């Protein structure tokens, strides 16, 4: 559940409680939470053309992570948080080695930015509210100064479009899965 609406602490709250930059997108999907959760790993790549294009441009000349940032924490069926510590503002970002969630939460070396993205599900009637929230906390005032222009550029362009496309593709996948699972056997 969202800490904004329920007062409960989320995994994202535990991993990155303080942040200087934040974006939040939400959508209600006409499928139950288990169906939506199962659909997270089943989104066809062709449903994410903007994401593929923008990530391809972003990683030109760099080693590309096939699956995105590492998963920091998961409560199955409820929330998954991925994150990284990096100098995102660089053309070829330097990524800090973060071996586990505790290392991410405790990272304080100046000159970096800690970024975490959460996908959180909440049952809403016969559907599911999906919230995609991104938080970033620079580890120093210089890192904040360097990261700010990058954030506004990606928030207004790339990152916002990627989050909206993810929610749309997830809705398509989950609702299709729900229809398939709910068909009578003789249909």
C-alpha atoms as a PDB file:
ATOM      1  CA  UNK A   1       0.000   0.000   0.000  1.00  0.00           C
ATOM      2  CA  UNK A   2       1.068   3.516  -0.622  1.00  0.00           C
ATOM      3  CA  UNK A   3       2.388   5.332   2.399  1.00  0.00           C
ATOM      4  CA  UNK A   4       0.623   8.417   1.016  1.00  0.00           C
ATOM      5  CA  UNK A   5      -2.806   6.878   1.391  1.00  0.00           C
ATOM      6  CA  UNK A   6      -2.464   4.251   4.092  1.00  0.00           C
ATOM      7  CA  UNK A   7       0.221   5.562   6.397  1.00  0.00           C
ATOM      8  CA  UNK A   8       2.072   2.244   6.072  1.00  0.00           C
ATOM      9  CA  UNK A   9       5.764   2.082   5.246  1.00  0.00           C
ATOM     10  CA  UNK A  10       6.636   0.762   1.788  1.00  0.00           C
ATOM     11  CA  UNK A  11       9.827  -0.960   0.646  1.00  0.00           C
ATOM     12  CA  UNK A  12      10.700   2.247  -1.180  1.00  0.00           C
ATOM     13  CA  UNK A  13      10.285   4.179   2.087  1.00  0.00           C
ATOM     14  CA  UNK A  14      12.685   1.763   3.780  1.00  0.00           C
ATOM     15  CA  UNK A  15      15.342   1.948   1.054  1.00  0.00           C
ATOM     16  CA  UNK A  16      15.164   5.650   0.166  1.00  0.00           C
ATOM     17  CA  UNK A  17      13.139   7.554   2.781  1.00  0.00           C
ATOM     18  CA  UNK A  18      14.732  10.918   1.961  1.00  0.00           C
ATOM     19  CA  UNK A  19      14.876  12.176  -1.596  1.00  0.00           C
ATOM     20  CA  UNK A  20      15.367  15.401  -3.512  1.00  0.00           C
ATOM     21  CA  UNK A  21      13.703  14.289  -6.752  1.00  0.00           C
ATOM     22  CA  UNK A  22      10.546  12.249  -7.261  1.00  0.00           C
ATOM     23  CA  UNK A  23       8.098  11.205  -9.935  1.00  0.00           C
ATOM     24  CA  UNK A  24       4.929   9.186  -9.459  1.00  0.00           C
ATOM     25  CA  UNK A  25       2.564   7.687 -12.019  1.00  0.00           C
ATOM     26  CA  UNK A  26      -0.506   5.562 -11.284  1.00  0.00           C
ATOM     27  CA  UNK A  27      -3.098   3.603 -13.215  1.00  0.00           C
ATOM     28  CA  UNK A  28      -5.945   1.307 -12.268  1.00  0.00           C
ATOM     29  CA  UNK A  29      -5.933  -1.955 -14.206  1.00  0.00           C
ATOM     30  CA  UNK A  30      -9.001  -4.175 -14.691  1.00  0.00           C
ATOM     31  CA  UNK A  31      -7.399  -7.312 -13.254  1.00  0.00           C
ATOM     32  CA  UNK A  32      -6.737  -8.642  -9.763  1.00  0.00           C
ATOM     33  CA  UNK A  33      -3.334  -8.090  -8.078  1.00  0.00           C
ATOM     34  CA  UNK A  34      -2.009 -11.655  -8.654  1.00  0.00           C
ATOM     35  CA  UNK A  35      -2.745 -11.358 -12.385  1.00  0.00           C
ATOM     36  CA  UNK A  36      -1.106  -7.935 -12.603  1.00  0.00           C
ATOM     37  CA  UNK A  37       1.927  -9.130 -10.626  1.00  0.00           C
ATOM     38  CA  UNK A  38       2.378 -12.178 -12.874  1.00  0.00           C
ATOM     39  CA  UNK A  39       2.091  -9.914 -15.920  1.00  0.00           C
ATOM     40  CA  UNK A  40       5.043  -7.735 -14.871  1.00  0.00           C
ATOM     41  CA  UNK A  41       7.476 -10.275 -16.330  1.00  0.00           C
ATOM     42  CA  UNK A  42       5.332 -11.044 -19.387  1.00  0.00           C
ATOM     43  CA  UNK A  43       5.144  -7.643 -21.082  1.00  0.00           C
ATOM     44  CA  UNK A  44       6.143  -8.163 -24.720  1.00  0.00           C
ATOM     45  CA  UNK A  45       9.080  -6.000 -25.801  1.00  0.00           C
ATOM     46  CA  UNK A  46       7.077  -4.757 -28.781  1.00  0.00           C
ATOM     47  CA  UNK A  47       4.663  -3.113 -26.305  1.00  0.00           C
ATOM     48  CA  UNK A  48       7.564  -0.888 -25.149  1.00  0.00           C
ATOM     49  CA  UNK A  49       8.844   0.824 -28.335  1.00  0.00           C
ATOM     50  CA  UNK A  50       9.552   4.210 -26.710  1.00  0.00           C
ATOM     51  CA  UNK A  51      11.409   2.523 -23.861  1.00  0.00           C
ATOM     52  CA  UNK A  52      13.528   0.496 -26.282  1.00  0.00           C
ATOM     53  CA  UNK A  53      14.370   3.551 -28.365  1.00  0.00           C
ATOM     54  CA  UNK A  54      15.212   5.836 -25.435  1.00  0.00           C
ATOM     55  CA  UNK A  55      17.255   3.211 -23.598  1.00  0.00           C
ATOM     56  CA  UNK A  56      19.096   2.416 -26.831  1.00  0.00           C
ATOM     57  CA  UNK A  57      19.996   6.078 -27.304  1.00  0.00           C
ATOM     58  CA  UNK A  58      20.964   6.429 -23.631  1.00  0.00           C
ATOM     59  CA  UNK A  59      23.305   3.454 -23.760  1.00  0.00           C
ATOM     60  CA  UNK A  60      25.017   4.159 -27.087  1.00  0.00           C
ATOM     61  CA  UNK A  61      28.655   3.233 -26.728  1.00  0.00           C
ATOM     62  CA  UNK A  62      28.141   1.888 -23.220  1.00  0.00           C
ATOM     63  CA  UNK A  63      27.682  -1.575 -21.816  1.00  0.00           C
ATOM     64  CA  UNK A  64      23.958  -2.130 -21.758  1.00  0.00           C
ATOM     65  CA  UNK A  65      22.217  -3.720 -18.809  1.00  0.00           C
ATOM     66  CA  UNK A  66      19.814  -6.259 -20.237  1.00  0.00           C
ATOM     67  CA  UNK A  67      17.396  -6.240 -17.340  1.00  0.00           C
ATOM     68  CA  UNK A  68      17.784  -2.732 -15.976  1.00  0.00           C
ATOM     69  CA  UNK A  69      18.956  -1.878 -12.484  1.00  0.00           C
ATOM     70  CA  UNK A  70      19.181  -4.703  -9.950  1.00  0.00           C
ATOM     71  CA  UNK A  71      16.233  -5.607  -7.764  1.00  0.00           C
ATOM     72  CA  UNK A  72      16.838  -4.315  -4.242  1.00  0.00           C
ATOM     73  CA  UNK A  73      13.743  -5.670  -2.503  1.00  0.00           C
ATOM     74  CA  UNK A  74      10.504  -7.485  -3.284  1.00  0.00           C
ATOM     75  CA  UNK A  75       7.336  -8.394  -1.450  1.00  0.00           C
ATOM     76  CA  UNK A  76       5.753 -10.824  -3.915  1.00  0.00           C
ATOM     77  CA  UNK A  77       2.446  -9.592  -5.206  1.00  0.00           C
ATOM     78  CA  UNK A  78       2.811  -6.182  -3.571  1.00  0.00           C
ATOM     79  CA  UNK A  79       5.963  -4.225  -4.391  1.00  0.00           C
ATOM     80  CA  UNK A  80       9.284  -4.478  -6.179  1.00  0.00           C
ATOM     81  CA  UNK A  81      12.072  -1.908  -5.881  1.00  0.00           C
ATOM     82  CA  UNK A  82      14.998  -1.646  -8.285  1.00  0.00           C
ATOM     83  CA  UNK A  83      17.824   0.784  -7.809  1.00  0.00           C
ATOM     84  CA  UNK A  84      21.320   1.949  -8.542  1.00  0.00           C
ATOM     85  CA  UNK A  85      23.905   4.412  -7.331  1.00  0.00           C
ATOM     86  CA  UNK A  86      25.482   6.254 -10.237  1.00  0.00           C
ATOM     87  CA  UNK A  87      26.649   9.491 -11.773  1.00  0.00           C
ATOM     88  CA  UNK A  88      23.638   9.539 -14.095  1.00  0.00           C
ATOM     89  CA  UNK A  89      24.419  12.973 -15.520  1.00  0.00           C
ATOM     90  CA  UNK A  90      27.516  11.720 -17.329  1.00  0.00           C
ATOM     91  CA  UNK A  91      27.341  10.701 -20.983  1.00  0.00           C
ATOM     92  CA  UNK A  92      28.612   7.279 -19.897  1.00  0.00           C
ATOM     93  CA  UNK A  93      27.375   7.019 -16.295  1.00  0.00           C
ATOM     94  CA  UNK A  94      29.672   5.538 -13.693  1.00  0.00           C
ATOM     95  CA  UNK A  95      27.800   2.973 -11.585  1.00  0.00           C
ATOM     96  CA  UNK A  96      28.851   2.181  -8.017  1.00  0.00           C
ATOM     97  CA  UNK A  97      28.974  -1.489  -7.059  1.00  0.00           C
ATOM     98  CA  UNK A  98      26.124  -2.091  -4.628  1.00  0.00           C
ATOM     99  CA  UNK A  99      26.129  -5.718  -3.431  1.00  0.00           C
ATOM    100  CA  UNK A 100      22.885  -5.662  -1.445  1.00  0.00           C
ATOM    101  CA  UNK A 101      19.962  -3.502  -0.229  1.00  0.00           C
ATOM    102  CA  UNK A 102      21.775  -2.529   2.983  1.00  0.00           C
ATOM    103  CA  UNK A 103      24.719  -1.195   0.954  1.00  0.00           C
ATOM    104  CA  UNK A 104      22.287   0.837  -1.172  1.00  0.00           C
ATOM    105  CA  UNK A 105      20.462   2.284   1.834  1.00  0.00           C
ATOM    106  CA  UNK A 106      23.718   3.085   3.641  1.00  0.00           C
ATOM    107  CA  UNK A 107      25.642   4.528   0.681  1.00  0.00           C
ATOM    108  CA  UNK A 108      26.817   8.083   1.517  1.00  0.00           C
ATOM    109  CA  UNK A 109      29.982   8.707  -0.522  1.00  0.00           C
ATOM    110  CA  UNK A 110      29.758  12.278  -1.892  1.00  0.00           C
ATOM    111  CA  UNK A 111      29.368  12.873  -5.625  1.00  0.00           C
ATOM    112  CA  UNK A 112      26.790  10.216  -6.453  1.00  0.00           C
ATOM    113  CA  UNK A 113      23.015   9.907  -6.819  1.00  0.00           C
ATOM    114  CA  UNK A 114      20.991   7.053  -5.351  1.00  0.00           C
ATOM    115  CA  UNK A 115      17.976   6.205  -7.532  1.00  0.00           C
ATOM    116  CA  UNK A 116      15.211   3.738  -6.764  1.00  0.00           C
ATOM    117  CA  UNK A 117      12.078   2.842  -8.715  1.00  0.00           C
ATOM    118  CA  UNK A 118       9.164   1.052  -7.125  1.00  0.00           C
ATOM    119  CA  UNK A 119       6.257  -0.769  -8.737  1.00  0.00           C
ATOM    120  CA  UNK A 120       3.554  -1.143  -6.084  1.00  0.00           C
ATOM    121  CA  UNK A 121       0.154  -2.865  -6.356  1.00  0.00           C
ATOM    122  CA  UNK A 122      -2.969  -2.168  -4.306  1.00  0.00           C
ATOM    123  CA  UNK A 123      -6.333  -3.919  -4.740  1.00  0.00           C
ATOM    124  CA  UNK A 124      -9.066  -1.444  -5.702  1.00  0.00           C
ATOM    125  CA  UNK A 125     -12.483  -3.084  -6.007  1.00  0.00           C
ATOM    126  CA  UNK A 126     -12.243  -5.638  -8.819  1.00  0.00           C
ATOM    127  CA  UNK A 127      -9.075  -4.036 -10.174  1.00  0.00           C
ATOM    128  CA  UNK A 128      -5.567  -3.101  -9.138  1.00  0.00           C
ATOM    129  CA  UNK A 129      -3.978   0.295  -8.701  1.00  0.00           C
ATOM    130  CA  UNK A 130      -0.393   0.223  -9.947  1.00  0.00           C
ATOM    131  CA  UNK A 131       1.917   2.986  -8.759  1.00  0.00           C
ATOM    132  CA  UNK A 132       5.317   3.500 -10.365  1.00  0.00           C
ATOM    133  CA  UNK A 133       7.386   5.831  -8.206  1.00  0.00           C
ATOM    134  CA  UNK A 134      10.961   6.966  -8.734  1.00  0.00           C
ATOM    135  CA  UNK A 135      13.039   8.701  -6.070  1.00  0.00           C
ATOM    136  CA  UNK A 136      16.545  10.091  -6.322  1.00  0.00           C
ATOM    137  CA  UNK A 137      18.764  11.305  -3.497  1.00  0.00           C
ATOM    138  CA  UNK A 138      22.096  12.908  -4.395  1.00  0.00           C
ATOM    139  CA  UNK A 139      24.796  12.242  -1.806  1.00  0.00           C
ATOM    140  CA  UNK A 140      26.233  15.772  -1.850  1.00  0.00           C
ATOM    141  CA  UNK A 141      25.305  19.308  -2.864  1.00  0.00           C
ATOM    142  CA  UNK A 142      27.585  19.064  -5.911  1.00  0.00           C
ATOM    143  CA  UNK A 143      25.906  15.829  -7.016  1.00  0.00           C
ATOM    144  CA  UNK A 144      22.528  17.526  -6.566  1.00  0.00           C
ATOM    145  CA  UNK A 145      23.654  20.480  -8.677  1.00  0.00           C
ATOM    146  CA  UNK A 146      24.914  18.159 -11.427  1.00  0.00           C
ATOM    147  CA  UNK A 147      21.901  15.837 -11.319  1.00  0.00           C
ATOM    148  CA  UNK A 148      19.151  18.513 -11.351  1.00  0.00           C
ATOM    149  CA  UNK A 149      19.376  19.485 -15.059  1.00  0.00           C
ATOM    150  CA  UNK A 150      19.531  15.809 -16.044  1.00  0.00           C
ATOM    151  CA  UNK A 151      16.439  15.069 -13.935  1.00  0.00           C
ATOM    152  CA  UNK A 152      14.352  17.804 -15.500  1.00  0.00           C
ATOM    153  CA  UNK A 153      15.395  16.699 -18.969  1.00  0.00           C
ATOM    154  CA  UNK A 154      14.487  13.043 -18.427  1.00  0.00           C
ATOM    155  CA  UNK A 155      11.395  13.757 -16.325  1.00  0.00           C
ATOM    156  CA  UNK A 156       9.856  15.930 -19.014  1.00  0.00           C
ATOM    157  CA  UNK A 157      10.968  13.598 -21.777  1.00  0.00           C
ATOM    158  CA  UNK A 158      12.266  10.096 -21.451  1.00  0.00           C
ATOM    159  CA  UNK A 159      11.559   8.840 -17.944  1.00  0.00           C
ATOM    160  CA  UNK A 160       7.983  10.097 -17.868  1.00  0.00           C
ATOM    161  CA  UNK A 161       7.223   8.510 -21.236  1.00  0.00           C
ATOM    162  CA  UNK A 162       8.836   5.246 -20.139  1.00  0.00           C
ATOM    163  CA  UNK A 163       6.711   5.078 -16.957  1.00  0.00           C
ATOM    164  CA  UNK A 164       3.491   5.842 -18.860  1.00  0.00           C
ATOM    165  CA  UNK A 165       4.363   3.279 -21.528  1.00  0.00           C
ATOM    166  CA  UNK A 166       5.130   0.684 -18.830  1.00  0.00           C
ATOM    167  CA  UNK A 167       1.739   1.242 -17.183  1.00  0.00           C
ATOM    168  CA  UNK A 168      -0.057   1.011 -20.533  1.00  0.00           C
ATOM    169  CA  UNK A 169       1.792  -2.173 -21.544  1.00  0.00           C
ATOM    170  CA  UNK A 170       1.195  -3.712 -18.114  1.00  0.00           C
ATOM    171  CA  UNK A 171      -2.541  -2.935 -18.369  1.00  0.00           C
ATOM    172  CA  UNK A 172      -2.696  -4.501 -21.841  1.00  0.00           C
ATOM    173  CA  UNK A 173      -0.828  -7.625 -20.698  1.00  0.00           C
ATOM    174  CA  UNK A 174      -2.704  -8.108 -17.402  1.00  0.00           C
ATOM    175  CA  UNK A 175      -6.163  -7.431 -18.830  1.00  0.00           C
ATOM    176  CA  UNK A 176      -5.494  -9.810 -21.718  1.00  0.00           C
ATOM    177  CA  UNK A 177      -4.259 -12.445 -19.253  1.00  0.00           C
ATOM    178  CA  UNK A 178      -7.347 -11.922 -17.048  1.00  0.00           C
ATOM    179  CA  UNK A 179      -9.690 -12.385 -20.040  1.00  0.00           C
ATOM    180  CA  UNK A 180      -7.860 -15.552 -21.096  1.00  0.00           C
ATOM    181  CA  UNK A 181      -7.912 -17.030 -17.584  1.00  0.00           C
ATOM    182  CA  UNK A 182     -11.608 -16.229 -17.085  1.00  0.00           C
ATOM    183  CA  UNK A 183     -12.881 -17.830 -20.323  1.00  0.00           C
ATOM    184  CA  UNK A 184     -15.057 -20.915 -19.830  1.00  0.00           C
ATOM    185  CA  UNK A 185     -13.312 -24.159 -20.822  1.00  0.00           C
ATOM    186  CA  UNK A 186     -15.768 -24.843 -23.679  1.00  0.00           C
ATOM    187  CA  UNK A 187     -15.513 -21.332 -25.205  1.00  0.00           C
END
